[in-house]
Amino acid sequence: MHGSKAASVEEALTHIRNGQTIMLSGFTNVGSPNKFIVKMAEAGITDIDLISNDAGNDHTDGIGTLICQHRVRRLTASHVGLNPKVAEQMNDGTLEVVLVPQGTLAERIRCGGTGLGGVLTPTGVGTIVEDSPLCLGKQTIDGKEYLLMKPLK
């Protein structure tokens, strides 16, 4: 058996840089790596492209910490309604938000993790999603249209 893949928060932070894409777990701070997030904020990490199920809240814990401290430049998430700072930053142009239906988000993450080239989904057919750079095209399978969406990594 090889050595452990577990790392301390401090060791994990040595791999994080400004401007990186970071994917964080959790929903409304349940299951979020709160200690890691606090240390990331303390380390001054900024300009983050964050992929997360939600935007946390406008309190001083969890993913919301990164949003409230303006450390995120782009947020890809399925739910942002519990954090009013998201709307404020979207409106003032300091935060780009990419809303993705939760099932599509999960499948795009799964595809990224397994090395697949994308996910086919009927969600978004006939909408502006088709013109998004995240959409790789449209396919018809057994008479039903699907969008090929880029994986998330």
Protein backbone atom coordinates (compact mmCIF):
# COMPACT_ATOMS: atom_id res chain seq x y z
CA MET A 1 0.00 0.00 0.00
CA HIS A 2 1.24 3.48 -0.87
CA GLY A 3 1.42 6.39 1.56
CA SER A 4 -1.62 8.31 2.66
CA LYS A 5 -3.14 10.85 0.31
CA ALA A 6 -4.43 12.84 3.27
CA ALA A 7 -2.80 16.21 3.82
CA SER A 8 -2.92 18.81 6.54
CA VAL A 9 -4.70 22.07 5.77
CA GLU A 10 -1.32 23.83 5.69
CA GLU A 11 0.13 21.26 3.28
CA ALA A 12 -2.93 21.44 1.02
CA LEU A 13 -2.67 25.24 0.91
CA THR A 14 0.82 25.00 -0.59
CA HIS A 15 -0.91 23.80 -3.79
CA ILE A 16 -3.36 26.72 -4.03
CA ARG A 17 -2.50 29.85 -6.00
CA ASN A 18 -4.29 33.06 -6.93
CA GLY A 19 -6.40 32.68 -10.07
CA GLN A 20 -6.86 28.92 -9.83
CA THR A 21 -10.04 26.97 -10.34
CA ILE A 22 -11.06 25.43 -7.03
CA MET A 23 -13.94 23.03 -6.44
CA LEU A 24 -15.38 22.95 -2.92
CA SER A 25 -17.94 20.58 -1.46
CA GLY A 26 -20.94 21.20 0.72
CA PHE A 27 -24.37 22.77 0.64
CA THR A 28 -25.28 25.74 2.84
CA ASN A 29 -22.05 25.12 4.76
CA VAL A 30 -22.94 21.51 5.55
CA GLY A 31 -20.03 19.43 4.33
CA SER A 32 -17.93 22.45 3.38
CA PRO A 33 -14.23 22.37 4.30
CA ASN A 34 -14.61 25.37 6.61
CA LYS A 35 -11.15 25.19 8.22
CA PHE A 36 -9.55 25.05 4.78
CA ILE A 37 -11.66 27.99 3.57
CA VAL A 38 -10.67 30.11 6.58
CA LYS A 39 -6.98 29.31 6.04
CA MET A 40 -7.33 30.05 2.31
CA ALA A 41 -8.79 33.47 3.14
CA GLU A 42 -6.09 34.12 5.76
CA ALA A 43 -3.44 33.24 3.17
CA GLY A 44 -4.85 35.95 0.90
CA ILE A 45 -5.80 33.61 -1.96
CA THR A 46 -7.86 35.62 -4.44
CA ASP A 47 -9.12 35.77 -8.02
CA ILE A 48 -10.63 32.29 -7.59
CA ASP A 49 -12.73 30.51 -10.19
CA LEU A 50 -14.94 28.65 -7.71
CA ILE A 51 -17.04 25.60 -8.54
CA SER A 52 -19.47 24.75 -5.76
CA ASN A 53 -23.02 23.56 -5.33
CA ASP A 54 -23.94 26.88 -3.72
CA ALA A 55 -22.57 30.24 -2.58
CA GLY A 56 -22.93 29.70 1.14
CA ASN A 57 -24.39 32.63 3.01
CA ASP A 58 -23.26 36.12 3.93
CA HIS A 59 -21.91 35.02 7.30
CA THR A 60 -18.27 34.60 8.23
CA ASP A 61 -17.99 30.87 7.66
CA GLY A 62 -17.83 28.47 4.76
CA ILE A 63 -17.90 29.33 1.08
CA GLY A 64 -19.67 32.60 1.83
CA THR A 65 -16.43 33.83 3.40
CA LEU A 66 -14.71 33.77 0.02
CA ILE A 67 -17.63 35.56 -1.65
CA CYS A 68 -17.98 38.19 1.09
CA GLN A 69 -14.25 38.95 1.00
CA HIS A 70 -14.34 39.37 -2.81
CA ARG A 71 -11.89 36.50 -3.32
CA VAL A 72 -13.97 34.86 -6.07
CA ARG A 73 -13.98 36.23 -9.62
CA ARG A 74 -16.23 33.55 -11.13
CA LEU A 75 -18.69 31.27 -9.36
CA THR A 76 -20.17 28.20 -11.02
CA ALA A 77 -23.01 26.96 -8.83
CA SER A 78 -26.58 25.68 -8.80
CA HIS A 79 -27.88 27.78 -5.89
CA VAL A 80 -26.94 31.30 -4.82
CA GLY A 81 -30.12 32.49 -3.08
CA LEU A 82 -28.87 32.34 0.51
CA ASN A 83 -26.03 34.79 -0.08
CA PRO A 84 -27.22 38.31 -1.01
CA LYS A 85 -23.58 39.31 -1.60
CA VAL A 86 -23.66 37.28 -4.82
CA ALA A 87 -26.37 39.51 -6.34
CA GLU A 88 -24.59 42.65 -5.12
CA GLN A 89 -21.29 41.59 -6.69
CA MET A 90 -22.99 40.42 -9.90
CA ASN A 91 -24.69 43.80 -10.22
CA ASP A 92 -21.51 45.79 -9.58
CA GLY A 93 -19.55 43.63 -12.04
CA THR A 94 -17.05 42.17 -9.56
CA LEU A 95 -18.37 38.59 -9.70
CA GLU A 96 -19.25 36.49 -12.73
CA VAL A 97 -21.86 33.87 -11.91
CA VAL A 98 -22.57 30.80 -14.00
CA LEU A 99 -25.78 29.16 -12.81
CA VAL A 100 -26.06 25.49 -13.65
CA PRO A 101 -28.97 23.18 -12.81
CA GLN A 102 -27.94 20.93 -9.93
CA GLY A 103 -28.17 17.65 -11.86
CA THR A 104 -26.17 19.07 -14.76
CA LEU A 105 -23.57 20.44 -12.33
CA ALA A 106 -23.18 17.03 -10.68
CA GLU A 107 -22.86 15.27 -14.05
CA ARG A 108 -20.35 17.81 -15.38
CA ILE A 109 -18.24 17.29 -12.24
CA ARG A 110 -18.52 13.51 -12.59
CA CYS A 111 -17.44 13.73 -16.23
CA GLY A 112 -14.46 15.87 -15.29
CA GLY A 113 -13.44 13.44 -12.58
CA THR A 114 -13.66 10.40 -14.81
CA GLY A 115 -11.94 11.97 -17.81
CA LEU A 116 -14.99 12.08 -20.07
CA GLY A 117 -15.31 14.81 -22.70
CA GLY A 118 -18.67 16.13 -21.53
CA VAL A 119 -22.22 15.30 -20.60
CA LEU A 120 -25.34 15.14 -22.75
CA THR A 121 -28.35 16.82 -21.17
CA PRO A 122 -31.73 17.93 -22.44
CA THR A 123 -31.67 20.81 -19.96
CA GLY A 124 -31.09 24.08 -21.78
CA VAL A 125 -32.14 22.97 -25.27
CA GLY A 126 -33.75 25.91 -27.04
CA THR A 127 -32.32 28.48 -24.60
CA ILE A 128 -29.31 30.81 -24.51
CA VAL A 129 -27.37 27.92 -22.98
CA GLU A 130 -26.91 26.61 -26.53
CA ASP A 131 -24.82 29.70 -27.35
CA SER A 132 -22.71 29.44 -24.20
CA PRO A 133 -19.01 28.59 -24.48
CA LEU A 134 -19.79 25.80 -22.01
CA CYS A 135 -21.94 24.09 -24.65
CA LEU A 136 -19.97 22.03 -27.15
CA GLY A 137 -22.91 21.46 -29.48
CA LYS A 138 -26.24 19.75 -29.86
CA GLN A 139 -26.96 16.10 -30.60
CA THR A 140 -30.17 14.34 -31.54
CA ILE A 141 -30.49 10.83 -30.15
CA ASP A 142 -33.60 8.75 -30.83
CA GLY A 143 -35.43 11.90 -31.86
CA LYS A 144 -34.61 13.86 -28.68
CA GLU A 145 -32.25 16.84 -28.62
CA TYR A 146 -29.42 17.11 -26.10
CA LEU A 147 -26.70 19.64 -25.39
CA LEU A 148 -23.12 18.45 -24.97
CA MET A 149 -21.82 20.37 -21.96
CA LYS A 150 -18.13 20.69 -21.03
CA PRO A 151 -16.91 18.74 -18.02
CA LEU A 152 -15.88 20.59 -14.84
CA LYS A 153 -12.47 19.94 -13.30
